């Protein structure tokens, strides 16, 4: 888990997200997409909460948003954040896949 040397740009990330969203709608599994992409949802929510809370109170909830930067500011190494987020993502994907079998 060495630091990334290539980063996906907005064009690639948005296209990939749109493709995943389209597939989820076509197969009528929108909620499963939210479960499997739970970490992305948390990242987006952390930014929305931070901005909304700051505009209202002039105080921050997190040291920095998105939330992965908060953990880096708290002293976690980038590799620690990446590996832990991978583990969380794997768990969420397994939960999402298990719900597909239930339906």
PDB file of N, CA and C in Angstrom:
ATOM      1  N   UNK A   1       0.840  -1.190   0.000  1.00  0.00           N
ATOM      2  CA  UNK A   1       0.000   0.000   0.000  1.00  0.00           C
ATOM      3  C   UNK A   1       0.876   1.241   0.000  1.00  0.00           C
ATOM      4  N   UNK A   2       1.711   1.349  -0.991  1.00  0.00           N
ATOM      5  CA  UNK A   2       2.568   2.520  -1.103  1.00  0.00           C
ATOM      6  C   UNK A   2       1.740   3.702  -1.577  1.00  0.00           C
ATOM      7  N   UNK A   3       2.194   4.922  -1.316  1.00  0.00           N
ATOM      8  CA  UNK A   3       1.428   6.086  -1.771  1.00  0.00           C
ATOM      9  C   UNK A   3       1.173   6.027  -3.278  1.00  0.00           C
ATOM     10  N   UNK A   4      -0.029   6.442  -3.657  1.00  0.00           N
ATOM     11  CA  UNK A   4      -0.430   6.388  -5.065  1.00  0.00           C
ATOM     12  C   UNK A   4       0.441   7.301  -5.912  1.00  0.00           C
ATOM     13  N   UNK A   5       0.753   6.839  -7.104  1.00  0.00           N
ATOM     14  CA  UNK A   5       1.515   7.655  -8.035  1.00  0.00           C
ATOM     15  C   UNK A   5       0.641   8.117  -9.186  1.00  0.00           C
ATOM     16  N   UNK A   6      -0.505   7.472  -9.361  1.00  0.00           N
ATOM     17  CA  UNK A   6      -1.457   7.868 -10.392  1.00  0.00           C
ATOM     18  C   UNK A   6      -2.809   8.046  -9.720  1.00  0.00           C
ATOM     19  N   UNK A   7      -3.448   9.175  -9.975  1.00  0.00           N
ATOM     20  CA  UNK A   7      -4.751   9.459  -9.391  1.00  0.00           C
ATOM     21  C   UNK A   7      -5.798   9.549 -10.489  1.00  0.00           C
ATOM     22  N   UNK A   8      -6.971   8.987 -10.228  1.00  0.00           N
ATOM     23  CA  UNK A   8      -8.063   9.080 -11.181  1.00  0.00           C
ATOM     24  C   UNK A   8      -8.594  10.508 -11.156  1.00  0.00           C
ATOM     25  N   UNK A   9      -8.774  11.093 -12.322  1.00  0.00           N
ATOM     26  CA  UNK A   9      -9.322  12.439 -12.407  1.00  0.00           C
ATOM     27  C   UNK A   9     -10.830  12.431 -12.293  1.00  0.00           C
ATOM     28  N   UNK A  10     -11.403  13.623 -12.269  1.00  0.00           N
ATOM     29  CA  UNK A  10     -12.855  13.741 -12.164  1.00  0.00           C
ATOM     30  C   UNK A  10     -13.569  13.091 -13.337  1.00  0.00           C
ATOM     31  N   UNK A  11     -13.005  13.195 -14.522  1.00  0.00           N
ATOM     32  CA  UNK A  11     -13.665  12.620 -15.697  1.00  0.00           C
ATOM     33  C   UNK A  11     -13.806  11.110 -15.541  1.00  0.00           C
ATOM     34  N   UNK A  12     -12.757  10.435 -15.138  1.00  0.00           N
ATOM     35  CA  UNK A  12     -12.813   8.986 -14.953  1.00  0.00           C
ATOM     36  C   UNK A  12     -13.690   8.593 -13.783  1.00  0.00           C
ATOM     37  N   UNK A  13     -13.586   9.316 -12.672  1.00  0.00           N
ATOM     38  CA  UNK A  13     -14.371   8.984 -11.485  1.00  0.00           C
ATOM     39  C   UNK A  13     -15.860   9.209 -11.732  1.00  0.00           C
ATOM     40  N   UNK A  14     -16.202  10.315 -12.367  1.00  0.00           N
ATOM     41  CA  UNK A  14     -17.613  10.597 -12.637  1.00  0.00           C
ATOM     42  C   UNK A  14     -18.198   9.608 -13.636  1.00  0.00           C
ATOM     43  N   UNK A  15     -17.419   9.255 -14.649  1.00  0.00           N
ATOM     44  CA  UNK A  15     -17.900   8.284 -15.638  1.00  0.00           C
ATOM     45  C   UNK A  15     -18.109   6.916 -14.992  1.00  0.00           C
ATOM     46  N   UNK A  16     -17.173   6.508 -14.147  1.00  0.00           N
ATOM     47  CA  UNK A  16     -17.303   5.220 -13.458  1.00  0.00           C
ATOM     48  C   UNK A  16     -18.513   5.220 -12.526  1.00  0.00           C
ATOM     49  N   UNK A  17     -18.698   6.295 -11.783  1.00  0.00           N
ATOM     50  CA  UNK A  17     -19.856   6.408 -10.896  1.00  0.00           C
ATOM     51  C   UNK A  17     -21.172   6.401 -11.655  1.00  0.00           C
ATOM     52  N   UNK A  18     -21.205   7.104 -12.782  1.00  0.00           N
ATOM     53  CA  UNK A  18     -22.421   7.124 -13.604  1.00  0.00           C
ATOM     54  C   UNK A  18     -22.727   5.739 -14.158  1.00  0.00           C
ATOM     55  N   UNK A  19     -21.699   5.029 -14.575  1.00  0.00           N
ATOM     56  CA  UNK A  19     -21.900   3.673 -15.108  1.00  0.00           C
ATOM     57  C   UNK A  19     -22.435   2.743 -14.021  1.00  0.00           C
ATOM     58  N   UNK A  20     -21.856   2.803 -12.829  1.00  0.00           N
ATOM     59  CA  UNK A  20     -22.333   1.962 -11.723  1.00  0.00           C
ATOM     60  C   UNK A  20     -23.767   2.313 -11.340  1.00  0.00           C
ATOM     61  N   UNK A  21     -24.065   3.602 -11.289  1.00  0.00           N
ATOM     62  CA  UNK A  21     -25.424   4.035 -10.967  1.00  0.00           C
ATOM     63  C   UNK A  21     -26.431   3.580 -12.001  1.00  0.00           C
ATOM     64  N   UNK A  22     -26.056   3.671 -13.271  1.00  0.00           N
ATOM     65  CA  UNK A  22     -26.938   3.236 -14.353  1.00  0.00           C
ATOM     66  C   UNK A  22     -27.221   1.743 -14.263  1.00  0.00           C
ATOM     67  N   UNK A  23     -26.189   0.970 -14.034  1.00  0.00           N
ATOM     68  CA  UNK A  23     -26.371  -0.483 -13.903  1.00  0.00           C
ATOM     69  C   UNK A  23     -27.280  -0.795 -12.713  1.00  0.00           C
ATOM     70  N   UNK A  24     -27.085  -0.101 -11.596  1.00  0.00           N
ATOM     71  CA  UNK A  24     -27.916  -0.346 -10.408  1.00  0.00           C
ATOM     72  C   UNK A  24     -29.382  -0.045 -10.691  1.00  0.00           C
ATOM     73  N   UNK A  25     -29.647   1.029 -11.420  1.00  0.00           N
ATOM     74  CA  UNK A  25     -31.032   1.374 -11.753  1.00  0.00           C
ATOM     75  C   UNK A  25     -31.624   0.346 -12.711  1.00  0.00           C
ATOM     76  N   UNK A  26     -30.843  -0.063 -13.700  1.00  0.00           N
ATOM     77  CA  UNK A  26     -31.337  -1.032 -14.684  1.00  0.00           C
ATOM     78  C   UNK A  26     -31.712  -2.353 -14.015  1.00  0.00           C
ATOM     79  N   UNK A  27     -30.879  -2.817 -13.098  1.00  0.00           N
ATOM     80  CA  UNK A  27     -31.178  -4.102 -12.440  1.00  0.00           C
ATOM     81  C   UNK A  27     -31.996  -3.922 -11.154  1.00  0.00           C
ATOM     82  N   UNK A  28     -32.434  -2.702 -10.892  1.00  0.00           N
ATOM     83  CA  UNK A  28     -33.297  -2.372  -9.747  1.00  0.00           C
ATOM     84  C   UNK A  28     -32.662  -2.751  -8.407  1.00  0.00           C
ATOM     85  N   UNK A  29     -31.412  -2.408  -8.248  1.00  0.00           N
ATOM     86  CA  UNK A  29     -30.685  -2.703  -7.013  1.00  0.00           C
ATOM     87  C   UNK A  29     -30.006  -1.436  -6.488  1.00  0.00           C
ATOM     88  N   UNK A  30     -30.746  -0.323  -6.464  1.00  0.00           N
ATOM     89  CA  UNK A  30     -30.160   0.954  -6.068  1.00  0.00           C
ATOM     90  C   UNK A  30     -29.643   0.934  -4.631  1.00  0.00           C
ATOM     91  N   UNK A  31     -30.408   0.323  -3.732  1.00  0.00           N
ATOM     92  CA  UNK A  31     -30.003   0.301  -2.327  1.00  0.00           C
ATOM     93  C   UNK A  31     -28.723  -0.501  -2.122  1.00  0.00           C
ATOM     94  N   UNK A  32     -28.574  -1.565  -2.880  1.00  0.00           N
ATOM     95  CA  UNK A  32     -27.358  -2.381  -2.778  1.00  0.00           C
ATOM     96  C   UNK A  32     -26.141  -1.558  -3.190  1.00  0.00           C
ATOM     97  N   UNK A  33     -26.311  -0.699  -4.191  1.00  0.00           N
ATOM     98  CA  UNK A  33     -25.214   0.177  -4.612  1.00  0.00           C
ATOM     99  C   UNK A  33     -24.812   1.116  -3.477  1.00  0.00           C
ATOM    100  N   UNK A  34     -25.796   1.628  -2.744  1.00  0.00           N
ATOM    101  CA  UNK A  34     -25.502   2.512  -1.611  1.00  0.00           C
ATOM    102  C   UNK A  34     -24.744   1.750  -0.526  1.00  0.00           C
ATOM    103  N   UNK A  35     -25.119   0.499  -0.289  1.00  0.00           N
ATOM    104  CA  UNK A  35     -24.412  -0.315   0.712  1.00  0.00           C
ATOM    105  C   UNK A  35     -22.979  -0.574   0.252  1.00  0.00           C
ATOM    106  N   UNK A  36     -22.837  -1.046  -0.982  1.00  0.00           N
ATOM    107  CA  UNK A  36     -21.499  -1.391  -1.480  1.00  0.00           C
ATOM    108  C   UNK A  36     -20.601  -0.164  -1.594  1.00  0.00           C
ATOM    109  N   UNK A  37     -21.185   0.957  -1.914  1.00  0.00           N
ATOM    110  CA  UNK A  37     -20.415   2.193  -2.023  1.00  0.00           C
ATOM    111  C   UNK A  37     -20.496   3.022  -0.758  1.00  0.00           C
ATOM    112  N   UNK A  38     -20.729   2.357   0.368  1.00  0.00           N
ATOM    113  CA  UNK A  38     -20.926   3.042   1.637  1.00  0.00           C
ATOM    114  C   UNK A  38     -19.810   3.987   2.019  1.00  0.00           C
ATOM    115  N   UNK A  39     -18.595   3.620   1.709  1.00  0.00           N
ATOM    116  CA  UNK A  39     -17.472   4.475   2.054  1.00  0.00           C
ATOM    117  C   UNK A  39     -17.504   5.769   1.242  1.00  0.00           C
ATOM    118  N   UNK A  40     -17.912   5.675  -0.014  1.00  0.00           N
ATOM    119  CA  UNK A  40     -18.035   6.874  -0.845  1.00  0.00           C
ATOM    120  C   UNK A  40     -19.162   7.762  -0.321  1.00  0.00           C
ATOM    121  N   UNK A  41     -20.221   7.135   0.159  1.00  0.00           N
ATOM    122  CA  UNK A  41     -21.335   7.882   0.745  1.00  0.00           C
ATOM    123  C   UNK A  41     -20.861   8.613   1.997  1.00  0.00           C
ATOM    124  N   UNK A  42     -20.100   7.937   2.836  1.00  0.00           N
ATOM    125  CA  UNK A  42     -19.571   8.551   4.062  1.00  0.00           C
ATOM    126  C   UNK A  42     -18.632   9.706   3.719  1.00  0.00           C
ATOM    127  N   UNK A  43     -17.799   9.527   2.712  1.00  0.00           N
ATOM    128  CA  UNK A  43     -16.894  10.600   2.288  1.00  0.00           C
ATOM    129  C   UNK A  43     -17.683  11.831   1.849  1.00  0.00           C
ATOM    130  N   UNK A  44     -18.718  11.612   1.034  1.00  0.00           N
ATOM    131  CA  UNK A  44     -19.538  12.732   0.553  1.00  0.00           C
ATOM    132  C   UNK A  44     -20.301  13.386   1.706  1.00  0.00           C
ATOM    133  N   UNK A  45     -20.870  12.567   2.592  1.00  0.00           N
ATOM    134  CA  UNK A  45     -21.603  13.113   3.734  1.00  0.00           C
ATOM    135  C   UNK A  45     -20.698  13.912   4.662  1.00  0.00           C
ATOM    136  N   UNK A  46     -19.454  13.467   4.826  1.00  0.00           N
ATOM    137  CA  UNK A  46     -18.538  14.198   5.702  1.00  0.00           C
ATOM    138  C   UNK A  46     -18.287  15.605   5.174  1.00  0.00           C
ATOM    139  N   UNK A  47     -18.197  15.742   3.863  1.00  0.00           N
ATOM    140  CA  UNK A  47     -17.999  17.068   3.270  1.00  0.00           C
ATOM    141  C   UNK A  47     -19.256  17.914   3.456  1.00  0.00           C
ATOM    142  N   UNK A  48     -20.425  17.332   3.187  1.00  0.00           N
ATOM    143  CA  UNK A  48     -21.675  18.088   3.328  1.00  0.00           C
ATOM    144  C   UNK A  48     -21.899  18.521   4.775  1.00  0.00           C
ATOM    145  N   UNK A  49     -21.645  17.619   5.712  1.00  0.00           N
ATOM    146  CA  UNK A  49     -21.786  17.967   7.128  1.00  0.00           C
ATOM    147  C   UNK A  49     -20.810  19.065   7.534  1.00  0.00           C
ATOM    148  N   UNK A  50     -19.570  18.936   7.098  1.00  0.00           N
ATOM    149  CA  UNK A  50     -18.553  19.924   7.454  1.00  0.00           C
ATOM    150  C   UNK A  50     -18.935  21.307   6.938  1.00  0.00           C
ATOM    151  N   UNK A  51     -19.336  21.388   5.677  1.00  0.00           N
ATOM    152  CA  UNK A  51     -19.677  22.682   5.078  1.00  0.00           C
ATOM    153  C   UNK A  51     -20.925  23.262   5.743  1.00  0.00           C
ATOM    154  N   UNK A  52     -21.961  22.439   5.890  1.00  0.00           N
ATOM    155  CA  UNK A  52     -23.196  22.925   6.505  1.00  0.00           C
ATOM    156  C   UNK A  52     -22.997  23.379   7.938  1.00  0.00           C
ATOM    157  N   UNK A  53     -22.286  22.585   8.713  1.00  0.00           N
ATOM    158  CA  UNK A  53     -22.039  22.916  10.115  1.00  0.00           C
ATOM    159  C   UNK A  53     -21.176  24.167  10.234  1.00  0.00           C
ATOM    160  N   UNK A  54     -20.172  24.299   9.361  1.00  0.00           N
ATOM    161  CA  UNK A  54     -19.292  25.466   9.414  1.00  0.00           C
ATOM    162  C   UNK A  54     -20.057  26.740   9.064  1.00  0.00           C
ATOM    163  N   UNK A  55     -20.933  26.659   8.067  1.00  0.00           N
ATOM    164  CA  UNK A  55     -21.718  27.843   7.693  1.00  0.00           C
ATOM    165  C   UNK A  55     -22.658  28.259   8.818  1.00  0.00           C
ATOM    166  N   UNK A  56     -23.135  27.288   9.571  1.00  0.00           N
ATOM    167  CA  UNK A  56     -24.087  27.584  10.637  1.00  0.00           C
ATOM    168  C   UNK A  56     -23.412  28.053  11.924  1.00  0.00           C
ATOM    169  N   UNK A  57     -22.314  27.398  12.317  1.00  0.00           N
ATOM    170  CA  UNK A  57     -21.712  27.673  13.625  1.00  0.00           C
ATOM    171  C   UNK A  57     -20.311  28.275  13.566  1.00  0.00           C
ATOM    172  N   UNK A  58     -19.713  28.308  12.387  1.00  0.00           N
ATOM    173  CA  UNK A  58     -18.319  28.751  12.216  1.00  0.00           C
ATOM    174  C   UNK A  58     -17.331  27.843  12.950  1.00  0.00           C
ATOM    175  N   UNK A  59     -17.749  26.610  13.228  1.00  0.00           N
ATOM    176  CA  UNK A  59     -16.875  25.607  13.834  1.00  0.00           C
ATOM    177  C   UNK A  59     -16.857  24.385  12.942  1.00  0.00           C
ATOM    178  N   UNK A  60     -15.796  23.602  13.065  1.00  0.00           N
ATOM    179  CA  UNK A  60     -15.642  22.412  12.241  1.00  0.00           C
ATOM    180  C   UNK A  60     -15.988  21.148  13.033  1.00  0.00           C
ATOM    181  N   UNK A  61     -16.574  20.186  12.330  1.00  0.00           N
ATOM    182  CA  UNK A  61     -16.842  18.883  12.940  1.00  0.00           C
ATOM    183  C   UNK A  61     -15.581  18.033  12.874  1.00  0.00           C
ATOM    184  N   UNK A  62     -14.952  18.021  11.704  1.00  0.00           N
ATOM    185  CA  UNK A  62     -13.738  17.243  11.460  1.00  0.00           C
ATOM    186  C   UNK A  62     -12.561  18.203  11.334  1.00  0.00           C
ATOM    187  N   UNK A  63     -11.367  17.708  11.549  1.00  0.00           N
ATOM    188  CA  UNK A  63     -10.187  18.545  11.361  1.00  0.00           C
ATOM    189  C   UNK A  63     -10.073  18.996   9.914  1.00  0.00           C
ATOM    190  N   UNK A  64     -10.493  18.118   8.999  1.00  0.00           N
ATOM    191  CA  UNK A  64     -10.452  18.408   7.571  1.00  0.00           C
ATOM    192  C   UNK A  64     -11.413  17.446   6.885  1.00  0.00           C
ATOM    193  N   UNK A  65     -12.049  17.917   5.847  1.00  0.00           N
ATOM    194  CA  UNK A  65     -12.952  17.049   5.079  1.00  0.00           C
ATOM    195  C   UNK A  65     -12.400  16.927   3.670  1.00  0.00           C
ATOM    196  N   UNK A  66     -12.646  15.815   2.975  1.00  0.00           N
ATOM    197  CA  UNK A  66     -13.362  14.605   3.335  1.00  0.00           C
ATOM    198  C   UNK A  66     -12.690  13.873   4.499  1.00  0.00           C
ATOM    199  N   UNK A  67     -13.409  12.919   5.019  1.00  0.00           N
ATOM    200  CA  UNK A  67     -13.036  12.295   6.287  1.00  0.00           C
ATOM    201  C   UNK A  67     -11.675  11.596   6.250  1.00  0.00           C
ATOM    202  N   UNK A  68     -11.231  11.133   5.085  1.00  0.00           N
ATOM    203  CA  UNK A  68      -9.916  10.474   5.058  1.00  0.00           C
ATOM    204  C   UNK A  68      -8.811  11.470   5.392  1.00  0.00           C
ATOM    205  N   UNK A  69      -9.003  12.751   5.071  1.00  0.00           N
ATOM    206  CA  UNK A  69      -8.017  13.772   5.449  1.00  0.00           C
ATOM    207  C   UNK A  69      -8.054  14.035   6.957  1.00  0.00           C
ATOM    208  N   UNK A  70      -9.217  13.891   7.564  1.00  0.00           N
ATOM    209  CA  UNK A  70      -9.343  14.041   9.012  1.00  0.00           C
ATOM    210  C   UNK A  70      -8.432  13.041   9.723  1.00  0.00           C
ATOM    211  N   UNK A  71      -8.465  11.793   9.240  1.00  0.00           N
ATOM    212  CA  UNK A  71      -7.623  10.766   9.852  1.00  0.00           C
ATOM    213  C   UNK A  71      -6.141  11.041   9.615  1.00  0.00           C
ATOM    214  N   UNK A  72      -5.808  11.572   8.451  1.00  0.00           N
ATOM    215  CA  UNK A  72      -4.411  11.933   8.191  1.00  0.00           C
ATOM    216  C   UNK A  72      -3.975  13.055   9.124  1.00  0.00           C
ATOM    217  N   UNK A  73      -4.865  14.021   9.367  1.00  0.00           N
ATOM    218  CA  UNK A  73      -4.548  15.121  10.279  1.00  0.00           C
ATOM    219  C   UNK A  73      -4.389  14.629  11.720  1.00  0.00           C
ATOM    220  N   UNK A  74      -5.071  13.542  12.054  1.00  0.00           N
ATOM    221  CA  UNK A  74      -4.959  12.976  13.402  1.00  0.00           C
ATOM    222  C   UNK A  74      -3.685  12.156  13.583  1.00  0.00           C
ATOM    223  N   UNK A  75      -2.910  11.997  12.496  1.00  0.00           N
ATOM    224  CA  UNK A  75      -1.637  11.312  12.614  1.00  0.00           C
ATOM    225  C   UNK A  75      -1.561   9.947  11.959  1.00  0.00           C
ATOM    226  N   UNK A  76      -2.650   9.490  11.342  1.00  0.00           N
ATOM    227  CA  UNK A  76      -2.599   8.212  10.640  1.00  0.00           C
ATOM    228  C   UNK A  76      -1.767   8.380   9.382  1.00  0.00           C
ATOM    229  N   UNK A  77      -0.976   7.374   9.068  1.00  0.00           N
ATOM    230  CA  UNK A  77      -0.235   7.382   7.808  1.00  0.00           C
ATOM    231  C   UNK A  77      -1.217   7.157   6.665  1.00  0.00           C
ATOM    232  N   UNK A  78      -0.864   7.675   5.483  1.00  0.00           N
ATOM    233  CA  UNK A  78      -1.734   7.504   4.317  1.00  0.00           C
ATOM    234  C   UNK A  78      -1.999   6.027   4.041  1.00  0.00           C
ATOM    235  N   UNK A  79      -0.968   5.206   4.204  1.00  0.00           N
ATOM    236  CA  UNK A  79      -1.147   3.774   3.948  1.00  0.00           C
ATOM    237  C   UNK A  79      -2.123   3.143   4.942  1.00  0.00           C
ATOM    238  N   UNK A  80      -2.110   3.608   6.199  1.00  0.00           N
ATOM    239  CA  UNK A  80      -3.056   3.099   7.197  1.00  0.00           C
ATOM    240  C   UNK A  80      -4.490   3.420   6.789  1.00  0.00           C
ATOM    241  N   UNK A  81      -4.705   4.660   6.377  1.00  0.00           N
ATOM    242  CA  UNK A  81      -6.042   5.081   5.962  1.00  0.00           C
ATOM    243  C   UNK A  81      -6.505   4.244   4.778  1.00  0.00           C
ATOM    244  N   UNK A  82      -5.628   4.084   3.786  1.00  0.00           N
ATOM    245  CA  UNK A  82      -5.985   3.340   2.577  1.00  0.00           C
ATOM    246  C   UNK A  82      -6.327   1.892   2.907  1.00  0.00           C
ATOM    247  N   UNK A  83      -5.498   1.225   3.672  1.00  0.00           N
ATOM    248  CA  UNK A  83      -5.737  -0.191   3.987  1.00  0.00           C
ATOM    249  C   UNK A  83      -7.013  -0.356   4.812  1.00  0.00           C
ATOM    250  N   UNK A  84      -7.225   0.506   5.779  1.00  0.00           N
ATOM    251  CA  UNK A  84      -8.443   0.398   6.596  1.00  0.00           C
ATOM    252  C   UNK A  84      -9.694   0.671   5.769  1.00  0.00           C
ATOM    253  N   UNK A  85      -9.612   1.639   4.865  1.00  0.00           N
ATOM    254  CA  UNK A  85     -10.757   1.917   3.994  1.00  0.00           C
ATOM    255  C   UNK A  85     -10.987   0.761   3.025  1.00  0.00           C
ATOM    256  N   UNK A  86      -9.922   0.105   2.573  1.00  0.00           N
ATOM    257  CA  UNK A  86     -10.073  -1.098   1.731  1.00  0.00           C
ATOM    258  C   UNK A  86     -10.837  -2.171   2.492  1.00  0.00           C
ATOM    259  N   UNK A  87     -10.430  -2.394   3.732  1.00  0.00           N
ATOM    260  CA  UNK A  87     -11.074  -3.427   4.548  1.00  0.00           C
ATOM    261  C   UNK A  87     -12.555  -3.110   4.741  1.00  0.00           C
ATOM    262  N   UNK A  88     -12.858  -1.854   5.055  1.00  0.00           N
ATOM    263  CA  UNK A  88     -14.259  -1.449   5.218  1.00  0.00           C
ATOM    264  C   UNK A  88     -15.028  -1.661   3.922  1.00  0.00           C
ATOM    265  N   UNK A  89     -14.419  -1.296   2.796  1.00  0.00           N
ATOM    266  CA  UNK A  89     -15.081  -1.461   1.500  1.00  0.00           C
ATOM    267  C   UNK A  89     -15.337  -2.929   1.196  1.00  0.00           C
ATOM    268  N   UNK A  90     -14.362  -3.785   1.464  1.00  0.00           N
ATOM    269  CA  UNK A  90     -14.541  -5.225   1.230  1.00  0.00           C
ATOM    270  C   UNK A  90     -15.697  -5.757   2.071  1.00  0.00           C
ATOM    271  N   UNK A  91     -15.762  -5.352   3.331  1.00  0.00           N
ATOM    272  CA  UNK A  91     -16.854  -5.791   4.204  1.00  0.00           C
ATOM    273  C   UNK A  91     -18.199  -5.311   3.667  1.00  0.00           C
ATOM    274  N   UNK A  92     -18.274  -4.050   3.250  1.00  0.00           N
ATOM    275  CA  UNK A  92     -19.532  -3.514   2.721  1.00  0.00           C
ATOM    276  C   UNK A  92     -19.943  -4.204   1.422  1.00  0.00           C
ATOM    277  N   UNK A  93     -18.979  -4.515   0.570  1.00  0.00           N
ATOM    278  CA  UNK A  93     -19.294  -5.221  -0.679  1.00  0.00           C
ATOM    279  C   UNK A  93     -19.812  -6.623  -0.368  1.00  0.00           C
ATOM    280  N   UNK A  94     -19.197  -7.302   0.581  1.00  0.00           N
ATOM    281  CA  UNK A  94     -19.683  -8.635   0.961  1.00  0.00           C
ATOM    282  C   UNK A  94     -21.101  -8.573   1.531  1.00  0.00           C
ATOM    283  N   UNK A  95     -21.375  -7.555   2.323  1.00  0.00           N
ATOM    284  CA  UNK A  95     -22.737  -7.373   2.841  1.00  0.00           C
ATOM    285  C   UNK A  95     -23.705  -7.128   1.683  1.00  0.00           C
ATOM    286  N   UNK A  96     -23.311  -6.271   0.746  1.00  0.00           N
ATOM    287  CA  UNK A  96     -24.158  -5.996  -0.411  1.00  0.00           C
ATOM    288  C   UNK A  96     -24.410  -7.228  -1.253  1.00  0.00           C
ATOM    289  N   UNK A  97     -23.369  -8.007  -1.481  1.00  0.00           N
ATOM    290  CA  UNK A  97     -23.528  -9.240  -2.257  1.00  0.00           C
ATOM    291  C   UNK A  97     -24.424 -10.240  -1.536  1.00  0.00           C
ATOM    292  N   UNK A  98     -24.314 -10.290  -0.220  1.00  0.00           N
ATOM    293  CA  UNK A  98     -25.162 -11.224   0.529  1.00  0.00           C
ATOM    294  C   UNK A  98     -26.631 -10.820   0.450  1.00  0.00           C
ATOM    295  N   UNK A  99     -26.923  -9.540   0.343  1.00  0.00           N
ATOM    296  CA  UNK A  99     -28.323  -9.118   0.211  1.00  0.00           C
ATOM    297  C   UNK A  99     -28.875  -9.468  -1.162  1.00  0.00           C
ATOM    298  N   UNK A 100     -28.021  -9.577  -2.162  1.00  0.00           N
ATOM    299  CA  UNK A 100     -28.490  -9.983  -3.487  1.00  0.00           C
ATOM    300  C   UNK A 100     -29.009 -11.407  -3.458  1.00  0.00           C
ATOM    301  N   UNK A 101     -28.378 -12.272  -2.675  1.00  0.00           N
ATOM    302  CA  UNK A 101     -28.804 -13.667  -2.576  1.00  0.00           C
ATOM    303  C   UNK A 101     -30.130 -13.789  -1.826  1.00  0.00           C
ATOM    304  N   UNK A 102     -30.359 -12.899  -0.882  1.00  0.00           N
ATOM    305  CA  UNK A 102     -31.586 -12.938  -0.083  1.00  0.00           C
ATOM    306  C   UNK A 102     -32.799 -12.601  -0.943  1.00  0.00           C
ATOM    307  N   UNK A 103     -32.641 -11.655  -1.844  1.00  0.00           N
ATOM    308  CA  UNK A 103     -33.762 -11.219  -2.674  1.00  0.00           C
ATOM    309  C   UNK A 103     -34.050 -12.282  -3.666  1.00  0.00           C
TER     310      UNK A 103
END
